[in-house]
Amino acid sequence: MSALSQKNAVAAIRISSVKQGLQGDSPEHQKEQIERFAKARGITIKKFFIFMESASKEEQPVQEAIDYCKKKKNNIQLFIIKSIDRFTRGGSYLYDHLKMQLEKNNVRLIDIYGVIGSKSVNTLEHLNIKYDWSVYNPTKKTEILEAERAKDEMREIMTRMIGAEIRYVRMGYRVRQAPFGYKNHKQETSHGKRVILKPHLKESRWIKKMFEMRSRKTMNDREIVAEINKLGFKTRTTYKRDPNDKTKIIGTRGGKPLNLKQLWRYIKNPVFAGINSEKWTKDQPIKGQFKGLVSIDLFNQANKGKVFVENNNGRITIHKKKPPAFQLNKQVRNPNYPYKKYVLCPICGKHLYGSASRGKLGKYYPAYHCNKRGHYFRVPLKEFNQTIKDFISKLEISPSYIEELKEYVIKVWETRKTEIKKDQINVENKMLELENQAKNIVSKFKIISSETAIKYLEKDLEKIEQEKRELKHAKQNCEDSDLNIKIIMDNVGYFLEHLEDLLIGSDNPLKRAEYFGLIFDKVPTYEDLVSGTPILAPFIKLKGGSNNVLVPNGESAGTRTRDAQLKRLSL
């Protein structure tokens, strides 16, 4: 009776592609061989795993079958494969990694050709002594060599196949699925029987229509999409296959109407003008061995200059025009137009827009404007920025107010220091408490032997150490705070005395605009800035003007109590 009889097994069957499964080493052929092998040795195969994908990937397909073997309830003792190259083509490292997972769970890997041996040899057996290093498998070297051979074979196959495909792509032939609008067609050429693109009977009409309608410039893109959909446009229907068995169809995808993004992708794709540009051509445009669905002239007209194909005596070049930087920044916080939120339209009193319009000669003219609310207001960007600078240059803060502000802030800070000292005491008490907890945990290590309990105690100890580090950092911040407030007050005093440095000198335009917004009690209009009549915050005035500046509720700043004024400014 065979030593393998009455044992349970799983069998793994792998092919690299659906084509191989249908034409080459099919799953049925592998299954028949494995069943014959198992029957002759009395092995019971509980489950077959069929994988239709490359075994050269880092994430190995057979891992699913190995995980099945690891579960004790499945009661598996053997893992059967046809050969090592059907198990993995990832080389000796991945082979060893996968096999060790099985051995740790007392599952033996066997192949039907007998390359993988089961006999172990102890080099110290004559002395009746055994070590881990003294026990080895005589067939291990053969298995490693076979795993490396499988990897080398995969590399050679892929090099020949992909290398040939790259060469043919650079010659203008097709090696992939046909894009929408085309179909693959094999024909005899000077390079043998090769694949070229031919117009798809139905899809090509839709593609041609898109380019023709866009080149006329009589319809916008949404109208073109609606018109093409009226003509019955549907995306190509493809099959969804089972990831574990590529021969099984589990659904379909596609069959949907055209949308705007699809239209733009089609219009920009030079393949419809008979030109291929991709990674295998090093992004260099290659004239295909097929006629495009549209001419190069029609392609350029439809793209309106955003993508331009040029053919100079057979040398193809593709130009992609990039928009100016101010057109790329369309967000609300646009550094090119930072004052949109802080200056209002003098006509409607709402926030301004910022953008650049294109002139007849193609030049762009950036400006702040308000022309979408039934009226027209526009100020060129350069003029607007100059108005801001001129207004800021007229601002000043009374020296007496600066000193009073400093005194008020120091007074508030002294109150805060008392609270900080209390915080320091609390931090020190908490650190002592954590020290005691750590000592208690360390003492428990001496009396506990359970690995699980020790593991949890170590986690608790790490958590305590982390808390101690955070508390130590907080304590250091409290000790450094006295120095920080003095530095801060010096900086505050400088910038209050030199408002222009704060409001104009910053490198960040968005920050400059934020600081600019703080000098007003009410958001000014552009006319307020020009005429010098905005409602300023307390303690800020125009040079030569009055301190008694009105605030939004009609109360003059001069009638407020000094503490209230200081508090408002400090906030």
Protein backbone atom coordinates (compact mmCIF):
# COMPACT_ATOMS: atom_id res chain seq x y z
CA MET A 1 0.00 0.00 0.00
CA SER A 2 1.27 3.48 -0.86
CA ALA A 3 2.43 5.75 1.96
CA LEU A 4 0.10 8.41 0.53
CA SER A 5 -3.06 6.29 0.58
CA GLN A 6 -6.13 7.35 2.55
CA LYS A 7 -4.85 10.92 2.77
CA ASN A 8 -6.85 14.02 1.85
CA ALA A 9 -5.51 16.44 -0.73
CA VAL A 10 -6.23 19.58 -2.68
CA ALA A 11 -5.04 19.96 -6.26
CA ALA A 12 -3.99 23.23 -7.90
CA ILE A 13 -4.33 23.74 -11.65
CA ARG A 14 -2.90 26.85 -13.28
CA ILE A 15 -2.75 28.30 -16.77
CA SER A 16 -1.36 31.74 -17.70
CA SER A 17 -4.21 32.87 -19.97
CA VAL A 18 -7.58 31.91 -21.39
CA LYS A 19 -5.88 31.24 -24.73
CA GLN A 20 -3.50 28.76 -23.12
CA GLY A 21 -6.44 27.11 -21.38
CA LEU A 22 -8.24 26.64 -24.67
CA GLN A 23 -5.30 25.74 -26.90
CA GLY A 24 -2.38 24.60 -24.73
CA ASP A 25 -2.04 22.93 -21.32
CA SER A 26 -5.78 23.05 -20.55
CA PRO A 27 -7.28 22.70 -17.04
CA GLU A 28 -9.07 19.52 -18.17
CA HIS A 29 -5.77 17.96 -19.26
CA GLN A 30 -4.04 18.87 -15.97
CA LYS A 31 -7.02 17.62 -13.96
CA GLU A 32 -7.04 14.29 -15.79
CA GLN A 33 -3.32 13.76 -15.06
CA ILE A 34 -3.69 14.65 -11.36
CA GLU A 35 -6.78 12.43 -10.91
CA ARG A 36 -4.95 9.47 -12.47
CA PHE A 37 -1.95 10.12 -10.18
CA ALA A 38 -4.16 10.31 -7.06
CA LYS A 39 -6.23 7.22 -7.92
CA ALA A 40 -3.12 5.09 -8.38
CA ARG A 41 -1.96 6.01 -4.85
CA GLY A 42 -5.27 5.95 -3.01
CA ILE A 43 -5.38 9.72 -2.42
CA THR A 44 -8.73 11.47 -1.93
CA ILE A 45 -8.88 14.88 -3.62
CA LYS A 46 -11.30 17.01 -1.65
CA LYS A 47 -11.10 20.10 -3.82
CA PHE A 48 -9.63 21.37 -7.11
CA PHE A 49 -8.41 24.97 -7.43
CA ILE A 50 -8.16 26.37 -10.97
CA PHE A 51 -6.16 29.55 -11.51
CA MET A 52 -6.09 31.36 -14.85
CA GLU A 53 -3.47 34.04 -14.33
CA SER A 54 0.29 34.41 -14.28
CA ALA A 55 2.17 32.73 -11.43
CA SER A 56 5.09 35.13 -11.82
CA LYS A 57 3.36 37.90 -9.87
CA GLU A 58 4.42 38.81 -6.34
CA GLU A 59 0.86 38.09 -5.14
CA GLN A 60 0.67 34.40 -5.95
CA PRO A 61 -2.61 32.87 -7.24
CA VAL A 62 -2.09 29.58 -5.31
CA GLN A 63 -2.20 31.46 -2.00
CA GLU A 64 -5.96 30.90 -1.91
CA ALA A 65 -5.45 27.11 -2.03
CA ILE A 66 -2.70 27.30 0.62
CA ASP A 67 -5.01 29.27 2.94
CA TYR A 68 -7.62 26.52 2.46
CA CYS A 69 -5.06 23.92 3.58
CA LYS A 70 -4.16 25.92 6.69
CA LYS A 71 -7.68 25.54 8.15
CA LYS A 72 -7.73 22.49 10.45
CA LYS A 73 -11.41 21.78 9.78
CA ASN A 74 -10.60 20.98 6.13
CA ASN A 75 -8.28 18.12 7.21
CA ILE A 76 -5.79 18.37 4.33
CA GLN A 77 -2.47 16.46 4.31
CA LEU A 78 -1.36 16.77 0.67
CA PHE A 79 -1.12 19.54 -1.93
CA ILE A 80 -0.87 18.14 -5.46
CA ILE A 81 0.44 20.00 -8.51
CA LYS A 82 1.35 18.85 -11.99
CA SER A 83 4.82 20.44 -11.85
CA ILE A 84 6.71 23.22 -10.08
CA ASP A 85 6.17 25.66 -12.97
CA ARG A 86 2.39 25.15 -12.50
CA PHE A 87 2.85 26.05 -8.80
CA THR A 88 4.87 29.26 -9.32
CA ARG A 89 7.14 30.95 -11.85
CA GLY A 90 8.37 33.46 -9.30
CA GLY A 91 11.71 31.71 -8.72
CA SER A 92 13.23 29.93 -5.71
CA TYR A 93 12.34 32.64 -3.19
CA LEU A 94 8.58 32.54 -3.83
CA TYR A 95 8.63 28.75 -4.20
CA ASP A 96 10.34 28.34 -0.82
CA HIS A 97 8.00 30.88 0.80
CA LEU A 98 4.86 29.07 -0.43
CA LYS A 99 6.15 25.60 0.40
CA MET A 100 7.15 26.59 3.96
CA GLN A 101 3.59 27.76 4.62
CA LEU A 102 2.38 24.25 3.79
CA GLU A 103 5.09 22.51 5.83
CA LYS A 104 4.28 24.60 8.93
CA ASN A 105 0.73 23.25 8.72
CA ASN A 106 1.87 19.64 8.13
CA VAL A 107 0.77 19.67 4.50
CA ARG A 108 3.11 18.00 2.01
CA LEU A 109 3.64 19.40 -1.49
CA ILE A 110 3.94 16.75 -4.21
CA ASP A 111 4.12 16.84 -8.01
CA ILE A 112 3.12 14.08 -10.42
CA TYR A 113 6.64 13.94 -11.93
CA GLY A 114 8.35 13.15 -8.60
CA VAL A 115 10.74 16.10 -8.58
CA ILE A 116 9.63 17.12 -5.08
CA GLY A 117 10.89 14.50 -2.67
CA SER A 118 9.60 13.69 0.82
CA LYS A 119 12.57 11.88 2.34
CA SER A 120 14.57 13.73 5.00
CA VAL A 121 18.20 12.88 5.87
CA ASN A 122 19.83 13.48 9.28
CA THR A 123 23.60 13.83 8.93
CA LEU A 124 24.03 12.97 12.66
CA GLU A 125 21.77 9.93 12.64
CA HIS A 126 24.73 7.58 13.23
CA LEU A 127 25.26 9.35 16.55
CA ASN A 128 21.56 9.31 17.40
CA ILE A 129 21.54 13.13 17.61
CA LYS A 130 19.29 15.51 15.71
CA TYR A 131 19.42 19.28 15.12
CA ASP A 132 17.42 21.52 12.85
CA TRP A 133 20.53 22.20 10.78
CA SER A 134 21.47 18.49 10.53
CA VAL A 135 18.18 17.54 8.80
CA TYR A 136 17.80 18.32 5.12
CA ASN A 137 15.87 17.25 2.05
CA PRO A 138 18.11 15.73 -0.66
CA THR A 139 15.80 16.96 -3.43
CA LYS A 140 15.77 20.58 -2.17
CA LYS A 141 18.51 21.66 -4.58
CA THR A 142 16.69 20.04 -7.49
CA GLU A 143 13.45 21.82 -6.51
CA ILE A 144 15.22 25.18 -6.26
CA LEU A 145 16.84 24.66 -9.65
CA GLU A 146 13.49 23.71 -11.17
CA ALA A 147 11.84 26.81 -9.64
CA GLU A 148 14.60 29.03 -11.07
CA ARG A 149 14.34 27.26 -14.43
CA ALA A 150 10.60 27.99 -14.48
CA LYS A 151 11.30 31.65 -13.74
CA ASP A 152 13.97 31.82 -16.48
CA GLU A 153 11.58 30.16 -18.91
CA MET A 154 8.90 32.73 -18.08
CA ARG A 155 11.39 35.56 -18.62
CA GLU A 156 12.49 34.16 -21.96
CA ILE A 157 8.90 33.65 -23.14
CA MET A 158 7.85 37.17 -22.08
CA THR A 159 10.97 38.75 -23.61
CA ARG A 160 10.33 37.09 -26.95
CA MET A 161 6.61 37.83 -26.95
CA ILE A 162 6.62 41.41 -25.57
CA GLY A 163 9.77 42.31 -27.49
CA ALA A 164 8.17 41.24 -30.77
CA GLU A 165 4.97 43.14 -29.94
CA ILE A 166 6.92 46.34 -29.19
CA ARG A 167 8.72 46.08 -32.53
CA TYR A 168 5.45 45.58 -34.42
CA VAL A 169 3.79 48.52 -32.60
CA ARG A 170 6.70 50.75 -33.65
CA MET A 171 6.14 49.58 -37.24
CA GLY A 172 2.52 50.80 -37.03
CA TYR A 173 0.75 47.47 -36.45
CA ARG A 174 -1.78 46.66 -33.73
CA VAL A 175 -1.20 44.14 -30.91
CA ARG A 176 -3.98 45.06 -28.48
CA GLN A 177 -7.76 45.20 -28.46
CA ALA A 178 -9.08 47.60 -31.09
CA PRO A 179 -10.13 51.04 -29.79
CA PHE A 180 -13.75 52.14 -30.12
CA GLY A 181 -14.56 52.87 -33.76
CA TYR A 182 -12.16 50.23 -35.10
CA LYS A 183 -11.89 46.45 -35.38
CA ASN A 184 -8.74 44.32 -35.60
CA HIS A 185 -8.07 42.77 -39.01
CA LYS A 186 -5.33 40.27 -39.91
CA GLN A 187 -3.76 40.57 -43.30
CA GLU A 188 -0.62 39.51 -45.13
CA THR A 189 2.14 42.14 -45.04
CA SER A 190 5.84 42.32 -45.81
CA HIS A 191 6.37 41.39 -42.13
CA GLY A 192 4.12 38.35 -42.28
CA LYS A 193 0.51 38.10 -41.17
CA ARG A 194 -0.03 41.12 -38.99
CA VAL A 195 -2.96 42.96 -37.35
CA ILE A 196 -4.07 46.37 -38.58
CA LEU A 197 -7.09 48.51 -37.70
CA LYS A 198 -10.16 48.70 -39.96
CA PRO A 199 -13.22 50.94 -39.46
CA HIS A 200 -15.97 49.31 -37.42
CA LEU A 201 -19.14 49.34 -39.51
CA LYS A 202 -21.35 50.99 -36.86
CA GLU A 203 -18.98 52.60 -34.33
CA SER A 204 -16.87 54.44 -36.94
CA ARG A 205 -19.90 56.46 -38.10
CA TRP A 206 -20.39 57.90 -34.62
CA ILE A 207 -16.70 58.84 -34.27
CA LYS A 208 -16.65 60.58 -37.68
CA LYS A 209 -19.83 62.46 -36.77
CA MET A 210 -18.28 63.75 -33.51
CA PHE A 211 -15.27 65.22 -35.35
CA GLU A 212 -17.38 66.70 -38.13
CA MET A 213 -19.87 68.38 -35.76
CA ARG A 214 -17.13 69.77 -33.52
CA SER A 215 -15.12 71.14 -36.44
CA ARG A 216 -18.15 73.12 -37.70
CA LYS A 217 -18.26 75.10 -34.40
CA THR A 218 -22.03 75.55 -34.70
CA MET A 219 -22.88 73.42 -31.63
CA ASN A 220 -21.45 73.25 -28.13
CA ASP A 221 -20.17 69.95 -26.69
CA ARG A 222 -23.37 69.16 -24.75
CA GLU A 223 -25.43 69.57 -27.89
CA ILE A 224 -23.02 67.31 -29.80
CA VAL A 225 -23.33 64.62 -27.09
CA ALA A 226 -27.12 64.82 -27.23
CA GLU A 227 -27.09 64.61 -31.04
CA ILE A 228 -24.74 61.59 -31.12
CA ASN A 229 -26.89 59.80 -28.53
CA LYS A 230 -29.94 60.44 -30.72
CA LEU A 231 -28.11 58.54 -33.45
CA GLY A 232 -28.12 55.48 -31.17
CA PHE A 233 -24.60 55.70 -29.68
CA LYS A 234 -23.77 52.99 -27.13
CA THR A 235 -20.38 52.12 -25.69
CA ARG A 236 -18.94 48.76 -26.66
CA THR A 237 -20.26 45.82 -24.63
CA THR A 238 -17.61 43.60 -23.06
CA TYR A 239 -17.80 40.52 -20.87
CA LYS A 240 -16.88 40.33 -17.19
CA ARG A 241 -15.17 37.06 -16.29
CA ASP A 242 -14.75 35.18 -13.04
CA PRO A 243 -11.34 36.28 -11.61
CA ASN A 244 -10.60 32.68 -10.58
CA ASP A 245 -11.83 31.08 -13.81
CA LYS A 246 -11.48 33.28 -16.88
CA THR A 247 -13.56 30.87 -18.98
CA LYS A 248 -16.67 31.74 -16.94
CA ILE A 249 -18.65 34.84 -17.95
CA ILE A 250 -20.34 36.45 -14.93
CA GLY A 251 -21.74 39.60 -16.52
CA THR A 252 -21.30 42.41 -19.03
CA ARG A 253 -20.19 46.03 -18.96
CA GLY A 254 -20.74 48.91 -21.37
CA GLY A 255 -23.74 49.58 -23.58
CA LYS A 256 -24.11 53.13 -22.20
CA PRO A 257 -24.79 56.47 -23.97
CA LEU A 258 -22.08 59.03 -24.68
CA ASN A 259 -21.13 61.61 -22.05
CA LEU A 260 -18.99 64.76 -22.11
CA LYS A 261 -15.80 63.20 -20.73
CA GLN A 262 -15.95 60.40 -23.27
CA LEU A 263 -16.43 62.91 -26.08
CA TRP A 264 -13.32 64.84 -24.99
CA ARG A 265 -11.27 61.63 -24.76
CA TYR A 266 -12.30 60.59 -28.28
CA ILE A 267 -11.63 64.03 -29.77
CA LYS A 268 -8.10 64.22 -28.27
CA ASN A 269 -7.09 60.67 -29.24
CA PRO A 270 -4.80 60.80 -32.33
CA VAL A 271 -5.50 57.14 -33.14
CA PHE A 272 -8.62 58.35 -35.00
CA ALA A 273 -6.31 60.26 -37.34
CA GLY A 274 -4.29 57.06 -37.92
CA ILE A 275 -1.53 57.94 -35.40
CA ASN A 276 -0.38 55.89 -32.41
CA SER A 277 1.45 57.39 -29.42
CA GLU A 278 2.06 55.33 -26.28
CA LYS A 279 4.65 53.92 -23.87
CA TRP A 280 5.91 51.34 -26.38
CA THR A 281 6.64 54.09 -28.89
CA LYS A 282 8.30 56.14 -26.11
CA ASP A 283 5.40 58.59 -26.48
CA GLN A 284 6.60 59.39 -30.02
CA PRO A 285 3.74 59.57 -32.58
CA ILE A 286 3.89 56.77 -35.16
CA LYS A 287 1.88 56.72 -38.39
CA GLY A 288 -0.11 53.48 -38.32
CA GLN A 289 -0.30 50.88 -41.07
CA PHE A 290 -3.97 51.83 -41.43
CA LYS A 291 -6.01 54.78 -42.57
CA GLY A 292 -7.51 56.93 -39.84
CA LEU A 293 -11.23 57.49 -39.48
CA VAL A 294 -10.65 61.24 -39.99
CA SER A 295 -7.98 63.29 -41.72
CA ILE A 296 -5.28 65.14 -39.79
CA ASP A 297 -6.82 68.47 -40.87
CA LEU A 298 -10.24 67.47 -39.53
CA PHE A 299 -8.63 66.22 -36.29
CA ASN A 300 -6.91 69.59 -35.78
CA GLN A 301 -10.09 71.55 -36.54
CA ALA A 302 -12.11 69.51 -34.04
CA ASN A 303 -9.48 70.00 -31.30
CA LYS A 304 -9.51 73.78 -31.78
CA GLY A 305 -5.77 74.12 -31.16
CA LYS A 306 -5.66 72.25 -27.84
CA VAL A 307 -4.09 69.26 -29.59
CA PHE A 308 -2.39 69.86 -32.93
CA VAL A 309 -0.95 67.15 -35.23
CA GLU A 310 1.69 68.20 -37.74
CA ASN A 311 2.88 66.04 -40.65
CA ASN A 312 6.16 67.22 -42.18
CA ASN A 313 6.96 64.85 -45.06
CA GLY A 314 5.97 61.80 -43.03
CA ARG A 315 7.44 63.00 -39.73
CA ILE A 316 4.59 63.27 -37.25
CA THR A 317 4.64 65.62 -34.24
CA ILE A 318 1.88 66.30 -31.71
CA HIS A 319 1.68 69.65 -29.93
CA LYS A 320 -0.35 70.00 -26.75
CA LYS A 321 -1.00 73.60 -25.88
CA LYS A 322 -1.02 74.32 -22.15
CA PRO A 323 -3.29 77.07 -20.80
CA PRO A 324 -1.71 80.01 -18.89
CA ALA A 325 -1.14 79.54 -15.16
CA PHE A 326 -3.99 81.87 -14.20
CA GLN A 327 -6.41 79.66 -16.13
CA LEU A 328 -5.30 76.56 -14.21
CA ASN A 329 -6.09 78.14 -10.82
CA LYS A 330 -9.88 78.14 -10.76
CA GLN A 331 -10.32 77.55 -7.03
CA VAL A 332 -11.95 80.08 -4.70
CA ARG A 333 -8.64 80.76 -2.91
CA ASN A 334 -6.77 81.75 -6.05
CA PRO A 335 -3.41 83.40 -5.23
CA ASN A 336 -3.64 85.40 -8.46
CA TYR A 337 -6.87 87.07 -7.22
CA PRO A 338 -6.52 86.99 -3.41
CA TYR A 339 -8.77 90.01 -2.63
CA LYS A 340 -12.00 88.56 -4.08
CA LYS A 341 -13.43 87.94 -0.60
CA TYR A 342 -12.19 91.21 0.92
CA VAL A 343 -13.37 93.85 -1.56
CA LEU A 344 -16.98 94.27 -2.77
CA CYS A 345 -18.51 95.42 -6.01
CA PRO A 346 -19.46 99.15 -5.69
CA ILE A 347 -22.69 98.54 -7.65
CA CYS A 348 -24.29 95.46 -6.04
CA GLY A 349 -22.19 95.19 -2.85
CA LYS A 350 -21.30 91.52 -3.44
CA HIS A 351 -17.92 89.80 -3.67
CA LEU A 352 -15.93 90.30 -6.86
CA TYR A 353 -14.84 87.66 -9.37
CA GLY A 354 -11.31 87.27 -10.69
CA SER A 355 -10.43 85.90 -14.13
CA ALA A 356 -8.70 86.69 -17.42
CA SER A 357 -10.48 87.37 -20.68
CA ARG A 358 -8.92 86.64 -24.05
CA GLY A 359 -8.50 89.46 -26.54
CA LYS A 360 -8.79 89.32 -30.33
CA LEU A 361 -5.04 88.78 -30.70
CA GLY A 362 -5.04 85.87 -28.24
CA LYS A 363 -3.59 87.84 -25.31
CA TYR A 364 -5.17 87.39 -21.86
CA TYR A 365 -6.20 90.35 -19.70
CA PRO A 366 -6.58 89.47 -15.97
CA ALA A 367 -8.99 91.60 -13.93
CA TYR A 368 -11.37 91.77 -10.98
CA HIS A 369 -14.93 92.08 -12.23
CA CYS A 370 -18.64 91.77 -11.50
CA ASN A 371 -20.53 91.22 -14.73
CA LYS A 372 -22.82 88.28 -13.94
CA ARG A 373 -25.52 90.11 -11.95
CA GLY A 374 -27.12 92.35 -14.57
CA HIS A 375 -24.44 95.07 -14.50
CA TYR A 376 -20.85 95.54 -15.60
CA PHE A 377 -17.88 96.43 -13.39
CA ARG A 378 -14.28 95.61 -14.26
CA VAL A 379 -10.87 96.75 -12.99
CA PRO A 380 -7.62 95.46 -14.53
CA LEU A 381 -5.54 93.40 -12.10
CA LYS A 382 -2.56 95.75 -12.20
CA GLU A 383 -4.72 98.81 -11.46
CA PHE A 384 -6.57 96.99 -8.66
CA ASN A 385 -3.34 95.92 -6.94
CA GLN A 386 -1.97 99.44 -7.18
CA THR A 387 -5.14 100.79 -5.51
CA ILE A 388 -4.61 98.35 -2.63
CA LYS A 389 -0.98 99.45 -2.22
CA ASP A 390 -1.87 103.16 -2.33
CA PHE A 391 -4.58 102.69 0.31
CA ILE A 392 -2.32 100.70 2.64
CA SER A 393 0.41 103.34 2.37
CA LYS A 394 -2.03 105.87 3.91
CA LEU A 395 -2.80 103.78 7.01
CA GLU A 396 -1.32 104.29 10.46
CA ILE A 397 -1.90 103.20 14.06
CA SER A 398 -1.53 105.71 16.88
CA PRO A 399 1.64 105.02 18.97
CA SER A 400 -0.35 105.49 22.18
CA TYR A 401 -2.75 102.77 21.09
CA ILE A 402 0.17 100.43 20.31
CA GLU A 403 1.57 100.85 23.82
CA GLU A 404 -1.86 100.42 25.43
CA LEU A 405 -2.41 97.30 23.37
CA LYS A 406 0.91 95.85 24.57
CA GLU A 407 0.03 96.64 28.20
CA TYR A 408 -3.38 95.01 27.81
CA VAL A 409 -1.93 91.86 26.22
CA ILE A 410 0.74 91.59 28.96
CA LYS A 411 -1.98 91.93 31.59
CA VAL A 412 -3.96 89.11 30.00
CA TRP A 413 -0.78 87.09 29.70
CA GLU A 414 0.00 87.42 33.42
CA THR A 415 -3.41 85.91 34.14
CA ARG A 416 -2.61 83.10 31.73
CA LYS A 417 0.75 82.45 33.42
CA THR A 418 -1.04 81.67 36.68
CA GLU A 419 -3.10 79.07 34.83
CA ILE A 420 0.04 77.69 33.17
CA LYS A 421 1.69 77.14 36.56
CA LYS A 422 -1.36 75.15 37.65
CA ASP A 423 -1.07 73.14 34.44
CA GLN A 424 2.61 72.44 35.19
CA ILE A 425 1.71 71.07 38.61
CA ASN A 426 -0.97 68.84 37.07
CA VAL A 427 1.53 67.59 34.48
CA GLU A 428 4.09 66.70 37.16
CA ASN A 429 1.45 64.87 39.21
CA LYS A 430 0.34 62.94 36.15
CA MET A 431 3.95 61.97 35.37
CA LEU A 432 4.42 60.64 38.92
CA GLU A 433 1.23 58.64 38.54
CA LEU A 434 2.45 57.14 35.26
CA GLU A 435 5.83 56.31 36.85
CA ASN A 436 4.05 54.34 39.56
CA GLN A 437 1.91 52.50 36.98
CA ALA A 438 5.03 51.58 35.01
CA LYS A 439 6.74 50.21 38.15
CA ASN A 440 3.67 48.07 38.94
CA ILE A 441 3.66 46.61 35.43
CA VAL A 442 7.39 45.83 35.59
CA SER A 443 6.91 44.03 38.92
CA LYS A 444 4.21 41.80 37.33
CA PHE A 445 6.68 40.50 34.73
CA LYS A 446 8.47 38.59 37.52
CA ILE A 447 5.42 36.55 38.50
CA ILE A 448 3.62 36.05 35.15
CA SER A 449 4.68 33.34 32.68
CA SER A 450 1.80 33.49 30.19
CA GLU A 451 3.00 34.84 26.82
CA THR A 452 -0.41 36.36 26.11
CA ALA A 453 -0.47 38.20 29.45
CA ILE A 454 3.11 39.43 28.93
CA LYS A 455 2.18 40.67 25.47
CA TYR A 456 -0.71 42.76 26.84
CA LEU A 457 1.47 44.13 29.67
CA GLU A 458 4.11 45.19 27.16
CA LYS A 459 1.46 47.07 25.19
CA ASP A 460 0.30 48.84 28.38
CA LEU A 461 3.91 49.76 29.19
CA GLU A 462 4.45 51.19 25.70
CA LYS A 463 1.27 53.24 26.05
CA ILE A 464 2.47 54.67 29.37
CA GLU A 465 5.87 55.58 27.90
CA GLN A 466 4.13 57.36 25.03
CA GLU A 467 1.99 59.36 27.48
CA LYS A 468 5.11 60.30 29.45
CA ARG A 469 6.81 61.59 26.33
CA GLU A 470 3.77 63.69 25.44
CA LEU A 471 3.57 65.13 28.97
CA LYS A 472 7.28 65.93 28.95
CA HIS A 473 6.80 67.80 25.69
CA ALA A 474 3.83 69.71 27.13
CA LYS A 475 5.88 70.65 30.19
CA GLN A 476 8.71 71.96 28.01
CA ASN A 477 6.21 74.10 26.07
CA CYS A 478 4.99 75.63 29.33
CA GLU A 479 8.56 76.49 30.38
CA ASP A 480 9.37 78.06 26.99
CA SER A 481 6.16 80.09 26.82
CA ASP A 482 7.53 83.06 28.80
CA LEU A 483 10.27 83.60 26.27
CA ASN A 484 7.86 83.12 23.36
CA ILE A 485 5.46 85.85 24.52
CA LYS A 486 8.28 88.40 24.66
CA ILE A 487 9.35 87.55 21.12
CA ILE A 488 5.73 87.68 19.96
CA MET A 489 5.16 91.09 21.54
CA ASP A 490 8.27 92.48 19.86
CA ASN A 491 7.02 91.21 16.49
CA VAL A 492 3.50 92.54 17.13
CA GLY A 493 4.91 95.97 17.98
CA TYR A 494 7.05 96.03 14.85
CA PHE A 495 4.25 95.07 12.47
CA LEU A 496 1.79 97.51 14.08
CA GLU A 497 4.30 100.27 13.51
CA HIS A 498 5.04 99.05 9.95
CA LEU A 499 1.67 98.00 8.55
CA GLU A 500 2.97 98.03 4.99
CA ASP A 501 5.44 95.20 5.80
CA LEU A 502 2.59 93.08 7.11
CA LEU A 503 -0.02 93.84 4.43
CA ILE A 504 2.25 94.02 1.37
CA GLY A 505 5.58 92.44 2.29
CA SER A 506 4.39 88.87 2.86
CA ASP A 507 5.35 86.29 0.21
CA ASN A 508 1.97 84.58 0.51
CA PRO A 509 -0.69 86.59 -1.37
CA LEU A 510 -3.56 84.76 0.37
CA LYS A 511 -2.13 85.67 3.79
CA ARG A 512 -1.69 89.30 2.69
CA ALA A 513 -5.37 89.40 1.74
CA GLU A 514 -6.41 87.90 5.10
CA TYR A 515 -4.43 90.54 7.01
CA PHE A 516 -5.91 93.21 4.75
CA GLY A 517 -9.43 92.07 5.69
CA LEU A 518 -8.68 92.51 9.42
CA ILE A 519 -8.19 96.29 9.17
CA PHE A 520 -11.88 96.89 8.42
CA ASP A 521 -14.98 96.76 10.58
CA LYS A 522 -17.02 96.38 7.41
CA VAL A 523 -15.90 94.87 4.11
CA PRO A 524 -15.19 97.85 1.82
CA THR A 525 -16.24 98.32 -1.78
CA TYR A 526 -13.67 99.20 -4.42
CA GLU A 527 -14.98 102.80 -4.48
CA ASP A 528 -14.40 103.04 -0.69
CA LEU A 529 -10.74 102.24 -1.22
CA VAL A 530 -10.38 104.74 -4.05
CA SER A 531 -12.13 107.55 -2.14
CA GLY A 532 -10.60 106.65 1.25
CA THR A 533 -13.97 106.26 3.02
CA PRO A 534 -14.09 102.64 4.31
CA ILE A 535 -15.17 101.81 7.86
CA LEU A 536 -11.88 100.91 9.54
CA ALA A 537 -11.30 98.86 12.67
CA PRO A 538 -10.63 100.76 15.94
CA PHE A 539 -7.15 102.31 16.41
CA ILE A 540 -6.54 102.37 12.66
CA LYS A 541 -6.87 105.58 10.68
CA LEU A 542 -5.80 107.22 7.47
CA LYS A 543 -2.80 109.49 7.82
CA GLY A 544 -3.97 112.98 8.63
CA GLY A 545 -7.46 111.67 9.43
CA SER A 546 -9.48 111.39 12.65
CA ASN A 547 -9.30 108.56 15.17
CA ASN A 548 -13.04 108.85 15.59
CA VAL A 549 -13.84 106.36 12.84
CA LEU A 550 -17.41 105.09 12.57
CA VAL A 551 -18.10 101.41 13.12
CA PRO A 552 -21.01 99.38 11.61
CA ASN A 553 -23.55 100.06 14.35
CA GLY A 554 -23.09 103.82 13.97
CA GLU A 555 -21.19 104.15 17.26
CA SER A 556 -17.90 106.00 16.98
CA ALA A 557 -14.79 104.15 18.11
CA GLY A 558 -13.97 107.08 20.37
CA THR A 559 -17.08 106.50 22.54
CA ARG A 560 -16.09 102.94 23.46
CA THR A 561 -14.33 102.21 26.72
CA ARG A 562 -10.59 101.81 26.31
CA ASP A 563 -10.58 98.21 27.63
CA ALA A 564 -13.36 97.22 25.21
CA GLN A 565 -11.40 98.71 22.33
CA LEU A 566 -8.21 96.93 23.34
CA LYS A 567 -10.00 93.65 23.83
CA ARG A 568 -11.61 93.90 20.41
CA LEU A 569 -8.28 94.63 18.71
CA SER A 570 -6.42 91.90 20.60
CA LEU A 571 -9.00 89.37 19.49
